[in-house]
């Protein structure tokens, strides 16, 4: 969860400086839990380990665990499993309501996007010695005033995780905020049994307080194995995780939280064959009491799903797309490989004058392109707007963002993607294809790009 963009519009706003990690000029509660409640990007630990364990020692270890589980009917030995080179994307959606001094402030809808690459998988004789390195990119997006989700700033994190779920993470990383959830016991667990583990929240208090390492709050998690469930023909294991926080801060600075209270209840659905969590849901409630006496409360729900990603055969796909674009006779459109994936550029895109309303001719183009985009249903789309060099910088940026949003909304309307898998951004006139010296060049620079994201 993170604080809504709406918060910027009142005394309890979240600043862009907080997102960027730069020095702050606002009140502390205007930044505090944009990072703090990016925790709803996770329970990351529950969703970033993949696939089968390595051979050799791992096989012997698995055989021993299987024998232990068989001693008690229905019992399971839960483990994370790792395979070198695996990649994932995790998408979560948060819906929260914010109260200030028990009065409704606003509601927010937030999407969190995490990409994970698994490497340096190691196998040991004990589960604590079996681990892998996870290289992650975090991106948080909030529904904007045009109704789409704006592509946010990205944050990197690298950490090692063992087969029980315990992290080994450097002091320089501020994400994920929630760590070591879930963790598993050494032995087998049968339905109805509980166990406990230690987790922590690591908060980013850089900026105003000059804390250059995460501000950690430990807690104890209680897990209950509810039993197996069937999901789309697959056996998953339902685990409930609950923890409470009650923390008093030693700080005595204006608008610093002197007390943090709250709870989280998560429903984790674990695939024990693959050693990962394909989905989970959560209810949460967090209350902050500031030194000023003000009380801010966040209450809501979250859900997340995992998608395995594989590298695209870019050269082949780009060639096929350009051949199809030519065959369909779609003017001013081409596909090319870019850093982020495969980008389809619609140049000289036509809107009503000085607006973001698509003309029917452009909708027809997008309808034709939809068939190409639907060939890759598991890939998310990033829509980028560009303008020619006209008007003010602020006006160009706003118009480019609005036009990207218009294309994204139309793609959702015709069923190309769910709205939660479409992201938008605008660059104004910052990235021209050609110099804005002629009308023909300016027409090329007025474009919208649809990128099929690699990860």
Protein backbone atom coordinates (compact mmCIF):
# COMPACT_ATOMS: atom_id res chain seq x y z
CA UNK A 1 0.00 0.00 0.00
CA UNK A 2 1.15 3.54 -0.53
CA UNK A 3 -0.38 6.95 0.02
CA UNK A 4 -2.58 8.23 -2.79
CA UNK A 5 -1.56 10.94 -5.25
CA UNK A 6 -4.59 12.81 -3.96
CA UNK A 7 -2.68 13.34 -0.77
CA UNK A 8 -0.53 15.87 -2.61
CA UNK A 9 -3.58 18.10 -3.01
CA UNK A 10 -4.15 18.66 0.68
CA UNK A 11 -2.23 18.92 3.91
CA UNK A 12 -1.57 15.17 3.82
CA UNK A 13 -0.17 14.92 0.32
CA UNK A 14 2.53 12.57 -0.95
CA UNK A 15 5.30 14.49 -2.71
CA UNK A 16 7.18 13.58 -5.84
CA UNK A 17 10.36 14.17 -3.86
CA UNK A 18 9.41 11.24 -1.65
CA UNK A 19 9.06 9.00 -4.65
CA UNK A 20 12.42 10.15 -5.96
CA UNK A 21 14.17 9.89 -2.60
CA UNK A 22 15.35 13.52 -2.78
CA UNK A 23 15.36 16.07 0.05
CA UNK A 24 11.91 17.05 1.17
CA UNK A 25 10.29 20.36 1.78
CA UNK A 26 6.92 19.24 3.12
CA UNK A 27 5.59 17.76 6.32
CA UNK A 28 6.81 14.34 7.36
CA UNK A 29 3.48 12.64 6.88
CA UNK A 30 3.52 13.94 3.32
CA UNK A 31 6.25 11.38 2.58
CA UNK A 32 6.39 8.81 5.28
CA UNK A 33 4.47 5.93 3.92
CA UNK A 34 4.72 6.21 0.16
CA UNK A 35 7.69 3.92 0.69
CA UNK A 36 6.32 2.41 3.89
CA UNK A 37 3.20 1.15 2.22
CA UNK A 38 4.85 0.08 -0.96
CA UNK A 39 4.82 -3.01 1.25
CA UNK A 40 1.69 -4.01 -0.66
CA UNK A 41 4.06 -4.63 -3.53
CA UNK A 42 4.67 -7.71 -1.51
CA UNK A 43 4.29 -10.10 0.34
CA UNK A 44 7.15 -10.26 -2.14
CA UNK A 45 8.81 -13.16 -0.42
CA UNK A 46 5.70 -15.17 -1.14
CA UNK A 47 5.96 -14.73 -4.87
CA UNK A 48 9.53 -14.49 -6.08
CA UNK A 49 11.01 -17.98 -5.83
CA UNK A 50 10.52 -20.33 -8.79
CA UNK A 51 10.52 -23.84 -10.11
CA UNK A 52 12.29 -27.05 -9.26
CA UNK A 53 15.36 -27.36 -7.08
CA UNK A 54 18.71 -28.32 -8.53
CA UNK A 55 19.85 -31.93 -8.79
CA UNK A 56 22.22 -33.79 -6.48
CA UNK A 57 22.01 -32.64 -2.88
CA UNK A 58 18.61 -31.03 -3.52
CA UNK A 59 17.16 -34.35 -4.70
CA UNK A 60 18.31 -36.08 -1.52
CA UNK A 61 16.93 -33.24 0.57
CA UNK A 62 13.56 -33.40 -1.21
CA UNK A 63 13.40 -37.16 -0.76
CA UNK A 64 13.98 -36.79 2.96
CA UNK A 65 11.31 -34.08 3.20
CA UNK A 66 8.87 -36.22 1.24
CA UNK A 67 9.42 -39.13 3.60
CA UNK A 68 8.80 -36.86 6.58
CA UNK A 69 5.57 -35.54 5.08
CA UNK A 70 4.33 -39.06 4.36
CA UNK A 71 4.53 -39.95 8.05
CA UNK A 72 1.42 -37.83 8.64
CA UNK A 73 -1.38 -37.99 6.05
CA UNK A 74 -2.05 -34.55 4.59
CA UNK A 75 1.13 -33.03 6.01
CA UNK A 76 3.33 -30.85 3.81
CA UNK A 77 6.93 -29.70 3.98
CA UNK A 78 6.83 -26.19 2.51
CA UNK A 79 9.87 -24.87 0.66
CA UNK A 80 10.85 -22.16 -1.80
CA UNK A 81 12.43 -23.67 -4.90
CA UNK A 82 14.83 -21.95 -7.28
CA UNK A 83 16.02 -22.41 -10.84
CA UNK A 84 18.80 -20.43 -12.44
CA UNK A 85 17.62 -17.96 -15.08
CA UNK A 86 13.94 -17.89 -14.18
CA UNK A 87 12.05 -14.61 -14.48
CA UNK A 88 8.73 -13.44 -13.02
CA UNK A 89 6.39 -10.51 -13.07
CA UNK A 90 4.23 -9.83 -10.02
CA UNK A 91 1.19 -7.56 -10.28
CA UNK A 92 -0.73 -6.39 -7.26
CA UNK A 93 -3.68 -4.05 -6.88
CA UNK A 94 -4.34 -2.07 -3.72
CA UNK A 95 -7.60 -0.35 -2.82
CA UNK A 96 -7.38 1.77 0.29
CA UNK A 97 -9.26 4.44 2.19
CA UNK A 98 -7.44 7.14 4.14
CA UNK A 99 -8.81 8.82 7.27
CA UNK A 100 -7.37 11.84 9.08
CA UNK A 101 -8.44 12.24 12.70
CA UNK A 102 -11.16 9.63 12.05
CA UNK A 103 -12.61 11.67 9.18
CA UNK A 104 -12.64 10.38 5.62
CA UNK A 105 -9.88 11.96 3.52
CA UNK A 106 -9.83 10.05 0.23
CA UNK A 107 -9.67 6.68 -1.48
CA UNK A 108 -6.98 5.39 -3.81
CA UNK A 109 -6.43 2.59 -6.29
CA UNK A 110 -2.81 1.60 -6.81
CA UNK A 111 -1.07 -1.00 -8.95
CA UNK A 112 2.34 -2.39 -8.10
CA UNK A 113 4.55 -4.07 -10.66
CA UNK A 114 7.62 -6.13 -9.76
CA UNK A 115 9.94 -7.96 -12.13
CA UNK A 116 12.24 -10.63 -10.69
CA UNK A 117 15.25 -12.41 -12.18
CA UNK A 118 16.58 -15.49 -10.35
CA UNK A 119 20.32 -16.21 -10.48
CA UNK A 120 23.22 -17.76 -8.56
CA UNK A 121 21.08 -20.66 -7.31
CA UNK A 122 22.90 -22.66 -4.65
CA UNK A 123 22.03 -26.04 -3.18
CA UNK A 124 22.96 -27.19 0.30
CA UNK A 125 22.36 -30.11 2.61
CA UNK A 126 19.90 -28.08 4.69
CA UNK A 127 17.11 -25.73 3.55
CA UNK A 128 18.93 -22.79 5.13
CA UNK A 129 21.84 -23.51 2.77
CA UNK A 130 19.69 -23.68 -0.38
CA UNK A 131 19.20 -20.19 -1.80
CA UNK A 132 19.15 -17.92 -4.85
CA UNK A 133 19.82 -14.30 -5.70
CA UNK A 134 16.76 -12.22 -6.64
CA UNK A 135 17.28 -9.10 -8.75
CA UNK A 136 14.07 -7.04 -8.61
CA UNK A 137 12.64 -3.89 -10.15
CA UNK A 138 9.72 -2.22 -8.35
CA UNK A 139 7.28 0.18 -10.01
CA UNK A 140 4.22 1.70 -8.34
CA UNK A 141 1.43 3.33 -10.33
CA UNK A 142 -1.72 5.11 -9.27
CA UNK A 143 -4.87 5.71 -11.28
CA UNK A 144 -4.59 9.25 -12.61
CA UNK A 145 -7.18 11.91 -13.39
CA UNK A 146 -7.70 10.47 -16.90
CA UNK A 147 -8.56 7.04 -15.50
CA UNK A 148 -5.40 5.17 -16.51
CA UNK A 149 -2.33 4.09 -14.55
CA UNK A 150 0.72 6.32 -14.95
CA UNK A 151 4.10 4.60 -15.25
CA UNK A 152 6.01 5.50 -12.07
CA UNK A 153 9.66 5.64 -11.14
CA UNK A 154 11.49 2.31 -10.88
CA UNK A 155 13.49 1.10 -7.89
CA UNK A 156 16.05 -1.70 -7.82
CA UNK A 157 16.67 -4.27 -5.08
CA UNK A 158 18.96 -7.30 -4.90
CA UNK A 159 18.83 -9.89 -2.14
CA UNK A 160 19.41 -13.56 -1.42
CA UNK A 161 16.62 -15.76 -0.11
CA UNK A 162 16.86 -19.29 1.26
CA UNK A 163 14.46 -22.20 0.90
CA UNK A 164 12.69 -21.31 4.16
CA UNK A 165 12.03 -17.75 2.93
CA UNK A 166 14.60 -15.84 5.00
CA UNK A 167 16.25 -12.81 3.38
CA UNK A 168 19.88 -11.74 3.25
CA UNK A 169 19.65 -8.16 2.01
CA UNK A 170 22.08 -5.25 2.06
CA UNK A 171 21.55 -2.07 4.07
CA UNK A 172 21.45 -0.02 0.87
CA UNK A 173 18.11 -1.47 -0.30
CA UNK A 174 14.82 0.01 0.86
CA UNK A 175 12.52 -2.43 -0.91
CA UNK A 176 10.71 -4.66 -0.38
CA UNK A 177 9.31 -3.08 2.74
CA UNK A 178 7.82 -6.30 4.15
CA UNK A 179 10.49 -8.97 4.50
CA UNK A 180 10.58 -12.61 5.58
CA UNK A 181 6.87 -13.22 4.95
CA UNK A 182 6.09 -16.06 4.58
CA UNK A 183 8.75 -18.21 6.19
CA UNK A 184 8.38 -21.94 6.76
CA UNK A 185 9.34 -24.37 9.54
CA UNK A 186 11.88 -27.14 9.03
CA UNK A 187 9.39 -29.96 9.55
CA UNK A 188 6.10 -31.03 8.01
CA UNK A 189 2.85 -29.17 8.71
CA UNK A 190 -0.61 -30.70 8.60
CA UNK A 191 -3.91 -28.86 8.01
CA UNK A 192 -4.96 -26.86 11.06
CA UNK A 193 -1.45 -26.56 12.47
CA UNK A 194 0.19 -23.21 13.14
CA UNK A 195 3.75 -21.92 13.33
CA UNK A 196 5.37 -18.54 13.90
CA UNK A 197 8.11 -16.61 12.17
CA UNK A 198 9.86 -13.28 12.52
CA UNK A 199 9.33 -10.64 9.85
CA UNK A 200 10.13 -6.98 9.55
CA UNK A 201 9.11 -3.78 7.83
CA UNK A 202 11.99 -1.67 6.51
CA UNK A 203 11.01 1.99 6.09
CA UNK A 204 12.66 4.63 3.96
CA UNK A 205 13.22 7.73 6.13
CA UNK A 206 15.84 9.42 3.97
CA UNK A 207 15.41 13.05 3.12
CA UNK A 208 14.16 14.90 6.17
CA UNK A 209 15.81 12.67 8.78
CA UNK A 210 18.99 11.78 6.87
CA UNK A 211 18.69 8.08 7.72
CA UNK A 212 20.68 6.37 5.01
CA UNK A 213 19.66 2.84 5.95
CA UNK A 214 16.15 1.36 6.35
CA UNK A 215 14.27 2.05 9.58
CA UNK A 216 13.30 -1.45 10.69
CA UNK A 217 10.28 -2.55 12.72
CA UNK A 218 10.23 -6.26 13.66
CA UNK A 219 7.08 -8.28 14.21
CA UNK A 220 5.99 -11.86 14.77
CA UNK A 221 3.84 -13.59 12.15
CA UNK A 222 1.43 -16.40 12.99
CA UNK A 223 0.81 -18.85 10.13
CA UNK A 224 -2.00 -21.39 9.87
CA UNK A 225 -2.07 -24.11 7.24
CA UNK A 226 -5.75 -24.20 6.24
CA UNK A 227 -5.36 -27.14 3.85
CA UNK A 228 -5.20 -27.95 0.13
CA UNK A 229 -7.49 -26.29 -2.43
CA UNK A 230 -8.02 -26.86 -6.13
CA UNK A 231 -7.46 -23.91 -8.46
CA UNK A 232 -7.91 -24.44 -12.22
CA UNK A 233 -7.09 -28.11 -11.82
CA UNK A 234 -3.96 -27.36 -9.80
CA UNK A 235 -3.48 -28.22 -6.11
CA UNK A 236 -2.52 -25.19 -4.05
CA UNK A 237 -2.06 -24.92 -0.30
CA UNK A 238 -3.98 -22.26 1.60
CA UNK A 239 -1.89 -20.58 4.30
CA UNK A 240 -3.19 -17.72 6.42
CA UNK A 241 -0.62 -15.24 7.75
CA UNK A 242 -1.41 -12.65 10.42
CA UNK A 243 0.69 -10.09 12.24
CA UNK A 244 0.19 -6.97 14.31
CA UNK A 245 2.43 -3.95 14.77
CA UNK A 246 2.67 -1.79 17.86
CA UNK A 247 5.70 0.44 17.78
CA UNK A 248 6.67 3.59 19.65
CA UNK A 249 9.34 5.76 18.11
CA UNK A 250 12.21 7.24 20.11
CA UNK A 251 12.19 10.33 17.87
CA UNK A 252 10.66 13.61 19.03
CA UNK A 253 10.55 15.68 15.84
CA UNK A 254 7.56 17.64 14.57
CA UNK A 255 5.19 15.44 12.55
CA UNK A 256 7.26 12.33 13.20
CA UNK A 257 5.06 9.29 13.98
CA UNK A 258 5.38 8.70 17.70
CA UNK A 259 3.30 5.53 17.47
CA UNK A 260 2.51 3.05 14.71
CA UNK A 261 -0.22 0.47 15.15
CA UNK A 262 -1.80 -1.92 12.73
CA UNK A 263 -2.44 -5.41 11.46
CA UNK A 264 -2.29 -7.47 8.30
CA UNK A 265 -4.18 -10.66 7.42
CA UNK A 266 -3.01 -12.45 4.28
CA UNK A 267 -4.40 -15.43 2.40
CA UNK A 268 -1.48 -17.12 0.67
CA UNK A 269 -2.03 -19.83 -1.95
CA UNK A 270 1.18 -21.81 -2.22
CA UNK A 271 2.23 -24.10 -5.06
CA UNK A 272 4.46 -26.55 -3.22
CA UNK A 273 5.47 -28.36 -6.38
CA UNK A 274 6.98 -25.23 -7.90
CA UNK A 275 7.87 -23.63 -4.57
CA UNK A 276 6.12 -20.32 -5.16
CA UNK A 277 2.94 -18.36 -4.50
CA UNK A 278 0.88 -17.81 -7.67
CA UNK A 279 -1.54 -15.50 -5.85
CA UNK A 280 -2.43 -13.97 -2.51
CA UNK A 281 -4.88 -11.48 -1.01
CA UNK A 282 -4.70 -9.23 2.01
CA UNK A 283 -6.67 -7.05 4.37
CA UNK A 284 -4.80 -4.37 6.30
CA UNK A 285 -5.25 -1.47 8.66
CA UNK A 286 -2.43 0.89 9.71
CA UNK A 287 -2.70 3.87 12.06
CA UNK A 288 -0.06 6.56 12.57
CA UNK A 289 -0.07 8.95 15.49
CA UNK A 290 2.07 12.03 14.87
CA UNK A 291 3.80 14.13 17.51
CA UNK A 292 1.30 16.89 16.74
CA UNK A 293 -1.52 14.59 17.88
CA UNK A 294 -2.83 14.05 14.37
CA UNK A 295 -3.88 10.48 13.54
CA UNK A 296 -3.73 9.12 9.98
CA UNK A 297 -5.28 5.75 9.20
CA UNK A 298 -5.03 3.52 6.12
CA UNK A 299 -7.51 0.71 5.63
CA UNK A 300 -7.93 -1.50 2.62
CA UNK A 301 -7.33 -4.66 0.64
CA UNK A 302 -4.70 -5.96 -1.75
CA UNK A 303 -4.35 -8.86 -4.15
CA UNK A 304 -1.44 -10.11 -6.26
CA UNK A 305 -0.75 -12.60 -9.03
CA UNK A 306 2.46 -13.99 -10.50
CA UNK A 307 3.24 -14.46 -14.19
CA UNK A 308 6.30 -16.26 -15.52
CA UNK A 309 8.10 -14.28 -18.23
CA UNK A 310 10.40 -15.42 -21.02
CA UNK A 311 12.48 -13.42 -23.45
CA UNK A 312 10.79 -12.62 -26.74
CA UNK A 313 12.33 -13.48 -30.11
CA UNK A 314 12.46 -9.81 -30.94
CA UNK A 315 13.99 -9.86 -34.42
CA UNK A 316 11.48 -12.41 -35.68
CA UNK A 317 8.50 -10.71 -34.04
CA UNK A 318 9.45 -7.24 -35.31
CA UNK A 319 9.83 -8.56 -38.86
CA UNK A 320 6.47 -10.36 -38.68
CA UNK A 321 4.77 -7.27 -37.28
CA UNK A 322 6.13 -4.94 -39.95
CA UNK A 323 5.12 -7.42 -42.65
CA UNK A 324 1.60 -7.57 -41.18
CA UNK A 325 1.39 -3.77 -40.85
CA UNK A 326 2.36 -3.47 -44.51
CA UNK A 327 -0.13 -6.14 -45.56
CA UNK A 328 -2.94 -4.43 -43.63
CA UNK A 329 -2.05 -1.09 -45.21
CA UNK A 330 -1.77 0.83 -41.92
CA UNK A 331 -0.06 4.16 -42.71
CA UNK A 332 2.55 5.88 -40.50
CA UNK A 333 3.01 2.80 -38.29
CA UNK A 334 6.11 0.69 -37.71
CA UNK A 335 7.48 -1.79 -35.17
CA UNK A 336 10.99 -1.87 -33.75
CA UNK A 337 12.97 -3.43 -30.91
CA UNK A 338 13.66 -1.05 -28.00
CA UNK A 339 15.23 -1.29 -24.55
CA UNK A 340 11.86 -2.02 -22.94
CA UNK A 341 10.49 -4.49 -25.45
CA UNK A 342 8.89 -4.20 -28.89
CA UNK A 343 7.49 -0.77 -29.70
CA UNK A 344 4.81 -0.02 -32.28
CA UNK A 345 5.00 3.67 -33.21
CA UNK A 346 1.91 5.43 -34.57
CA UNK A 347 3.29 8.60 -36.15
CA UNK A 348 1.21 11.63 -37.14
CA UNK A 349 -1.56 10.32 -34.91
CA UNK A 350 -4.70 12.40 -35.29
CA UNK A 351 -6.76 13.89 -32.47
CA UNK A 352 -9.31 16.65 -32.40
CA UNK A 353 -7.44 19.96 -32.44
CA UNK A 354 -5.53 20.61 -29.20
CA UNK A 355 -7.29 17.73 -27.48
CA UNK A 356 -6.85 14.07 -26.58
CA UNK A 357 -9.96 12.85 -28.43
CA UNK A 358 -8.98 10.21 -30.97
CA UNK A 359 -10.32 10.68 -34.48
CA UNK A 360 -12.24 7.73 -36.00
CA UNK A 361 -9.41 7.11 -38.48
CA UNK A 362 -6.96 6.53 -35.61
CA UNK A 363 -9.37 4.25 -33.79
CA UNK A 364 -9.54 2.20 -36.98
CA UNK A 365 -5.72 1.93 -37.01
CA UNK A 366 -5.70 0.77 -33.40
CA UNK A 367 -8.39 -1.80 -34.13
CA UNK A 368 -6.14 -3.28 -36.83
CA UNK A 369 -3.13 -3.26 -34.49
CA UNK A 370 -5.18 -5.01 -31.82
CA UNK A 371 -4.80 -8.33 -33.63
CA UNK A 372 -1.01 -8.03 -33.34
CA UNK A 373 -1.11 -7.08 -29.67
CA UNK A 374 -3.48 -9.92 -28.79
CA UNK A 375 -0.88 -12.47 -29.91
CA UNK A 376 1.01 -11.73 -26.67
CA UNK A 377 -1.73 -11.73 -24.02
CA UNK A 378 0.62 -12.19 -21.04
CA UNK A 379 2.68 -9.12 -21.93
CA UNK A 380 1.75 -5.78 -20.44
CA UNK A 381 1.59 -2.64 -22.56
CA UNK A 382 3.23 0.74 -21.96
CA UNK A 383 1.65 3.60 -23.92
CA UNK A 384 3.86 6.66 -24.46
CA UNK A 385 2.71 10.00 -25.84
CA UNK A 386 4.87 12.55 -27.70
CA UNK A 387 4.12 16.00 -29.13
CA UNK A 388 5.73 18.36 -31.60
CA UNK A 389 7.53 21.49 -30.37
CA UNK A 390 4.58 23.85 -29.93
CA UNK A 391 3.15 25.65 -26.91
CA UNK A 392 4.66 25.62 -23.43
CA UNK A 393 6.64 22.76 -21.96
CA UNK A 394 3.97 22.14 -19.32
CA UNK A 395 1.19 22.13 -21.93
CA UNK A 396 3.12 19.72 -24.16
CA UNK A 397 3.75 17.32 -21.29
CA UNK A 398 0.10 17.39 -20.22
CA UNK A 399 -1.14 16.84 -23.78
CA UNK A 400 1.26 13.93 -24.37
CA UNK A 401 0.10 12.24 -21.16
CA UNK A 402 -3.56 12.76 -22.03
CA UNK A 403 -3.10 11.36 -25.54
CA UNK A 404 -1.31 8.29 -24.21
CA UNK A 405 -4.21 7.81 -21.79
CA UNK A 406 -6.72 8.13 -24.63
CA UNK A 407 -5.04 5.31 -26.55
CA UNK A 408 -4.80 3.16 -23.40
CA UNK A 409 -8.49 3.65 -22.63
CA UNK A 410 -9.43 2.66 -26.16
CA UNK A 411 -7.26 -0.48 -25.99
CA UNK A 412 -9.07 -1.44 -22.78
CA UNK A 413 -12.44 -0.59 -24.33
CA UNK A 414 -11.93 -2.96 -27.26
CA UNK A 415 -10.61 -5.71 -24.97
CA UNK A 416 -6.94 -5.78 -25.93
CA UNK A 417 -5.86 -5.70 -22.25
CA UNK A 418 -7.36 -5.24 -18.82
CA UNK A 419 -6.92 -1.69 -17.57
CA UNK A 420 -4.56 -2.95 -14.84
CA UNK A 421 -2.12 -4.20 -17.51
CA UNK A 422 -1.93 -0.88 -19.36
CA UNK A 423 0.42 1.89 -18.26
CA UNK A 424 0.81 5.39 -19.64
CA UNK A 425 3.38 8.17 -19.71
CA UNK A 426 4.11 11.32 -21.68
CA UNK A 427 7.34 13.02 -22.72
CA UNK A 428 6.00 16.15 -24.38
CA UNK A 429 8.51 17.21 -27.04
CA UNK A 430 11.55 15.88 -25.15
CA UNK A 431 12.19 12.92 -27.48
CA UNK A 432 11.64 13.95 -31.11
CA UNK A 433 12.28 11.48 -33.91
CA UNK A 434 13.43 14.29 -36.20
CA UNK A 435 14.07 18.05 -35.78
CA UNK A 436 10.88 20.11 -35.49
CA UNK A 437 11.90 22.26 -38.46
CA UNK A 438 9.17 21.40 -40.97
CA UNK A 439 5.50 20.52 -40.77
CA UNK A 440 6.29 17.03 -42.10
CA UNK A 441 8.80 16.51 -39.30
CA UNK A 442 6.43 17.86 -36.67
CA UNK A 443 3.78 15.42 -37.90
CA UNK A 444 6.20 12.52 -37.34
CA UNK A 445 7.00 13.73 -33.84
CA UNK A 446 3.29 13.84 -32.93
CA UNK A 447 3.10 10.16 -32.13
CA UNK A 448 1.97 7.54 -29.65
CA UNK A 449 4.05 4.44 -29.00
CA UNK A 450 2.67 1.10 -27.79
CA UNK A 451 5.40 -1.00 -26.19
CA UNK A 452 4.95 -4.72 -25.57
CA UNK A 453 7.03 -5.01 -22.41
CA UNK A 454 9.75 -7.67 -22.34
CA UNK A 455 9.25 -8.30 -18.61
